[in-house]
Amino acid sequence: GEADRSDVENILSVIGDMLKSNGVEYTADDLGNLVNLMDTNHDGSVSKGEFTRAILFQTEGMRPMSLQEMHYDVTFCKHKLEKLTGLVETLVDTLQATMFGQSPMPGPGGGRKSMKVQKQQLLA
C-alpha cells in the first residue's frame, strides 16, 4: 500500500524512538528529512517498499551492498543523462535547421555555437 507523506510525518516520533532503541544515532534534522528521502519516486506518497528500504538503510548503516546500489543508481542516471544530452543536442540542431533554413552542423553538439549567435541576433 501507499501512505501519504503526512501520515509518515505523524509517526516520526515513533520511528525516532525505534531508531534510538536500536542504537541508531540521528539528529532532529535527520529525522525530519527522512520522509523526503523515503519518497524516492517523488509522487507525494510513501510505498511500503520505500518505507522499508529507508528504515533498513538507517538501521544497517553503510554496508557494502548499500554503497553498490547507490553506485549503480548514480551510474544509471549518469548514463541516461548523457543519452538525453545527445538527444537534446540533436533536437537543437534540427530546430536550427528548420527555423533558420540551415543544415545541421556535423559532430557532437552540431550547430550549437552558431545557434547561440543567431539567438543573440534575434534578441538584439
C-alpha atoms as a PDB file:
ATOM      1  CA  GLY A   1       0.000   0.000   0.000  1.00  0.00           C
ATOM      2  CA  GLU A   2       0.801   3.661  -0.028  1.00  0.00           C
ATOM      3  CA  ALA A   3       0.814   6.223   2.776  1.00  0.00           C
ATOM      4  CA  ASP A   4       0.573   9.972   2.418  1.00  0.00           C
ATOM      5  CA  ARG A   5       3.710  11.813   3.424  1.00  0.00           C
ATOM      6  CA  SER A   6       1.714  13.470   6.213  1.00  0.00           C
ATOM      7  CA  ASP A   7       0.845  10.044   7.637  1.00  0.00           C
ATOM      8  CA  VAL A   8       4.531   9.169   7.831  1.00  0.00           C
ATOM      9  CA  GLU A   9       5.356  12.585   9.286  1.00  0.00           C
ATOM     10  CA  ASN A  10       2.790  11.894  12.034  1.00  0.00           C
ATOM     11  CA  ILE A  11       4.708   8.805  13.169  1.00  0.00           C
ATOM     12  CA  LEU A  12       8.216  10.281  13.018  1.00  0.00           C
ATOM     13  CA  SER A  13       8.448  10.306  16.816  1.00  0.00           C
ATOM     14  CA  VAL A  14       7.689   6.561  16.864  1.00  0.00           C
ATOM     15  CA  ILE A  15      10.286   5.982  14.146  1.00  0.00           C
ATOM     16  CA  GLY A  16      12.775   8.069  16.135  1.00  0.00           C
ATOM     17  CA  ASP A  17      12.130   6.032  19.285  1.00  0.00           C
ATOM     18  CA  MET A  18      12.585   2.802  17.333  1.00  0.00           C
ATOM     19  CA  LEU A  19      15.864   4.004  15.833  1.00  0.00           C
ATOM     20  CA  LYS A  20      17.117   5.202  19.205  1.00  0.00           C
ATOM     21  CA  SER A  21      16.219   1.902  20.921  1.00  0.00           C
ATOM     22  CA  ASN A  22      18.270   0.095  18.259  1.00  0.00           C
ATOM     23  CA  GLY A  23      21.316   2.291  18.811  1.00  0.00           C
ATOM     24  CA  VAL A  24      20.954   4.327  15.632  1.00  0.00           C
ATOM     25  CA  GLU A  25      22.280   7.843  16.062  1.00  0.00           C
ATOM     26  CA  TYR A  26      20.410  10.642  14.320  1.00  0.00           C
ATOM     27  CA  THR A  27      19.667  14.321  14.681  1.00  0.00           C
ATOM     28  CA  ALA A  28      16.271  16.001  14.681  1.00  0.00           C
ATOM     29  CA  ASP A  29      17.094  17.322  11.196  1.00  0.00           C
ATOM     30  CA  ASP A  30      17.890  13.789  10.009  1.00  0.00           C
ATOM     31  CA  LEU A  31      14.548  12.558  11.254  1.00  0.00           C
ATOM     32  CA  GLY A  32      12.702  15.485   9.696  1.00  0.00           C
ATOM     33  CA  ASN A  33      14.381  14.872   6.339  1.00  0.00           C
ATOM     34  CA  LEU A  34      13.699  11.134   6.427  1.00  0.00           C
ATOM     35  CA  VAL A  35      10.270  11.467   4.802  1.00  0.00           C
ATOM     36  CA  ASN A  36      11.781  13.370   1.873  1.00  0.00           C
ATOM     37  CA  LEU A  37      14.347  10.637   1.415  1.00  0.00           C
ATOM     38  CA  MET A  38      11.702   7.905   1.641  1.00  0.00           C
ATOM     39  CA  ASP A  39       9.686   9.278  -1.267  1.00  0.00           C
ATOM     40  CA  THR A  40      12.207   8.146  -3.870  1.00  0.00           C
ATOM     41  CA  ASN A  41       9.841   8.436  -6.847  1.00  0.00           C
ATOM     42  CA  HIS A  42       8.639  11.915  -5.780  1.00  0.00           C
ATOM     43  CA  ASP A  43       4.935  11.081  -6.070  1.00  0.00           C
ATOM     44  CA  GLY A  44       3.981  12.602  -2.717  1.00  0.00           C
ATOM     45  CA  SER A  45       3.347   9.277  -1.013  1.00  0.00           C
ATOM     46  CA  VAL A  46       5.492   6.576   0.571  1.00  0.00           C
ATOM     47  CA  SER A  47       5.076   2.978  -0.546  1.00  0.00           C
ATOM     48  CA  LYS A  48       5.725   0.012   1.709  1.00  0.00           C
ATOM     49  CA  GLY A  49       8.912  -0.682  -0.250  1.00  0.00           C
ATOM     50  CA  GLU A  50      10.138   2.908   0.037  1.00  0.00           C
ATOM     51  CA  PHE A  51       9.418   2.931   3.770  1.00  0.00           C
ATOM     52  CA  THR A  52      11.109  -0.422   4.377  1.00  0.00           C
ATOM     53  CA  ARG A  53      14.185   0.472   2.359  1.00  0.00           C
ATOM     54  CA  ALA A  54      14.616   3.798   4.191  1.00  0.00           C
ATOM     55  CA  ILE A  55      14.285   2.208   7.636  1.00  0.00           C
ATOM     56  CA  LEU A  56      16.656  -0.626   6.745  1.00  0.00           C
ATOM     57  CA  PHE A  57      19.128   1.872   5.362  1.00  0.00           C
ATOM     58  CA  GLN A  58      19.050   3.779   8.654  1.00  0.00           C
ATOM     59  CA  THR A  59      19.394   0.701  10.843  1.00  0.00           C
ATOM     60  CA  GLU A  60      22.004  -1.149   8.809  1.00  0.00           C
ATOM     61  CA  GLY A  61      24.364   1.749   8.320  1.00  0.00           C
ATOM     62  CA  MET A  62      26.639   1.921   5.324  1.00  0.00           C
ATOM     63  CA  ARG A  63      27.040  -1.655   4.250  1.00  0.00           C
ATOM     64  CA  PRO A  64      28.897  -2.564   1.050  1.00  0.00           C
ATOM     65  CA  MET A  65      25.699  -3.563  -0.755  1.00  0.00           C
ATOM     66  CA  SER A  66      24.140  -0.172   0.018  1.00  0.00           C
ATOM     67  CA  LEU A  67      27.156   1.532  -1.475  1.00  0.00           C
ATOM     68  CA  GLN A  68      26.997  -0.712  -4.532  1.00  0.00           C
ATOM     69  CA  GLU A  69      23.297   0.005  -5.004  1.00  0.00           C
ATOM     70  CA  MET A  70      23.964   3.730  -4.710  1.00  0.00           C
ATOM     71  CA  HIS A  71      26.791   3.496  -7.225  1.00  0.00           C
ATOM     72  CA  TYR A  72      24.528   1.605  -9.621  1.00  0.00           C
ATOM     73  CA  ASP A  73      21.759   4.190  -9.320  1.00  0.00           C
ATOM     74  CA  VAL A  74      24.134   7.121  -9.859  1.00  0.00           C
ATOM     75  CA  THR A  75      25.808   5.434 -12.830  1.00  0.00           C
ATOM     76  CA  PHE A  76      22.424   4.563 -14.343  1.00  0.00           C
ATOM     77  CA  CYS A  77      21.279   8.185 -14.007  1.00  0.00           C
ATOM     78  CA  LYS A  78      24.544   9.454 -15.475  1.00  0.00           C
ATOM     79  CA  HIS A  79      24.145   7.173 -18.492  1.00  0.00           C
ATOM     80  CA  LYS A  80      20.548   8.306 -19.053  1.00  0.00           C
ATOM     81  CA  LEU A  81      21.575  11.963 -18.718  1.00  0.00           C
ATOM     82  CA  GLU A  82      24.326  11.513 -21.315  1.00  0.00           C
ATOM     83  CA  LYS A  83      21.821   9.959 -23.727  1.00  0.00           C
ATOM     84  CA  LEU A  84      19.315  12.748 -23.112  1.00  0.00           C
ATOM     85  CA  THR A  85      22.004  15.375 -23.640  1.00  0.00           C
ATOM     86  CA  GLY A  86      22.783  13.878 -27.030  1.00  0.00           C
ATOM     87  CA  LEU A  87      19.110  13.815 -27.956  1.00  0.00           C
ATOM     88  CA  VAL A  88      18.641  17.447 -26.908  1.00  0.00           C
ATOM     89  CA  GLU A  89      21.675  18.497 -28.957  1.00  0.00           C
ATOM     90  CA  THR A  90      20.232  16.688 -31.980  1.00  0.00           C
ATOM     91  CA  LEU A  91      16.883  18.365 -31.404  1.00  0.00           C
ATOM     92  CA  VAL A  92      18.536  21.792 -31.188  1.00  0.00           C
ATOM     93  CA  ASP A  93      20.362  21.132 -34.446  1.00  0.00           C
ATOM     94  CA  THR A  94      17.148  20.011 -36.141  1.00  0.00           C
ATOM     95  CA  LEU A  95      15.250  23.040 -34.865  1.00  0.00           C
ATOM     96  CA  GLN A  96      18.055  25.297 -36.008  1.00  0.00           C
ATOM     97  CA  ALA A  97      17.903  23.811 -39.488  1.00  0.00           C
ATOM     98  CA  THR A  98      14.129  24.194 -39.564  1.00  0.00           C
ATOM     99  CA  MET A  99      13.986  27.717 -38.145  1.00  0.00           C
ATOM    100  CA  PHE A 100      16.954  29.217 -39.931  1.00  0.00           C
ATOM    101  CA  GLY A 101      16.995  27.152 -43.134  1.00  0.00           C
ATOM    102  CA  GLN A 102      20.461  25.799 -42.421  1.00  0.00           C
ATOM    103  CA  SER A 103      21.815  22.298 -42.419  1.00  0.00           C
ATOM    104  CA  PRO A 104      22.747  20.960 -39.003  1.00  0.00           C
ATOM    105  CA  MET A 105      26.488  21.094 -38.463  1.00  0.00           C
ATOM    106  CA  PRO A 106      28.226  17.717 -38.156  1.00  0.00           C
ATOM    107  CA  GLY A 107      29.826  16.437 -34.986  1.00  0.00           C
ATOM    108  CA  PRO A 108      28.897  16.463 -31.296  1.00  0.00           C
ATOM    109  CA  GLY A 109      26.804  19.439 -30.371  1.00  0.00           C
ATOM    110  CA  GLY A 110      26.246  20.208 -34.034  1.00  0.00           C
ATOM    111  CA  GLY A 111      25.491  23.845 -34.689  1.00  0.00           C
ATOM    112  CA  ARG A 112      25.072  24.997 -31.098  1.00  0.00           C
ATOM    113  CA  LYS A 113      27.648  27.782 -31.424  1.00  0.00           C
ATOM    114  CA  SER A 114      26.010  29.314 -34.473  1.00  0.00           C
ATOM    115  CA  MET A 115      22.614  28.805 -32.813  1.00  0.00           C
ATOM    116  CA  LYS A 116      23.793  30.988 -29.926  1.00  0.00           C
ATOM    117  CA  VAL A 117      24.973  33.662 -32.336  1.00  0.00           C
ATOM    118  CA  GLN A 118      21.665  33.567 -34.193  1.00  0.00           C
ATOM    119  CA  LYS A 119      19.738  33.695 -30.923  1.00  0.00           C
ATOM    120  CA  GLN A 120      21.722  36.787 -29.922  1.00  0.00           C
ATOM    121  CA  GLN A 121      20.955  38.355 -33.287  1.00  0.00           C
ATOM    122  CA  LEU A 122      17.253  37.672 -32.831  1.00  0.00           C
ATOM    123  CA  LEU A 123      17.282  39.215 -29.348  1.00  0.00           C
ATOM    124  CA  ALA A 124      19.233  42.302 -30.475  1.00  0.00           C
END
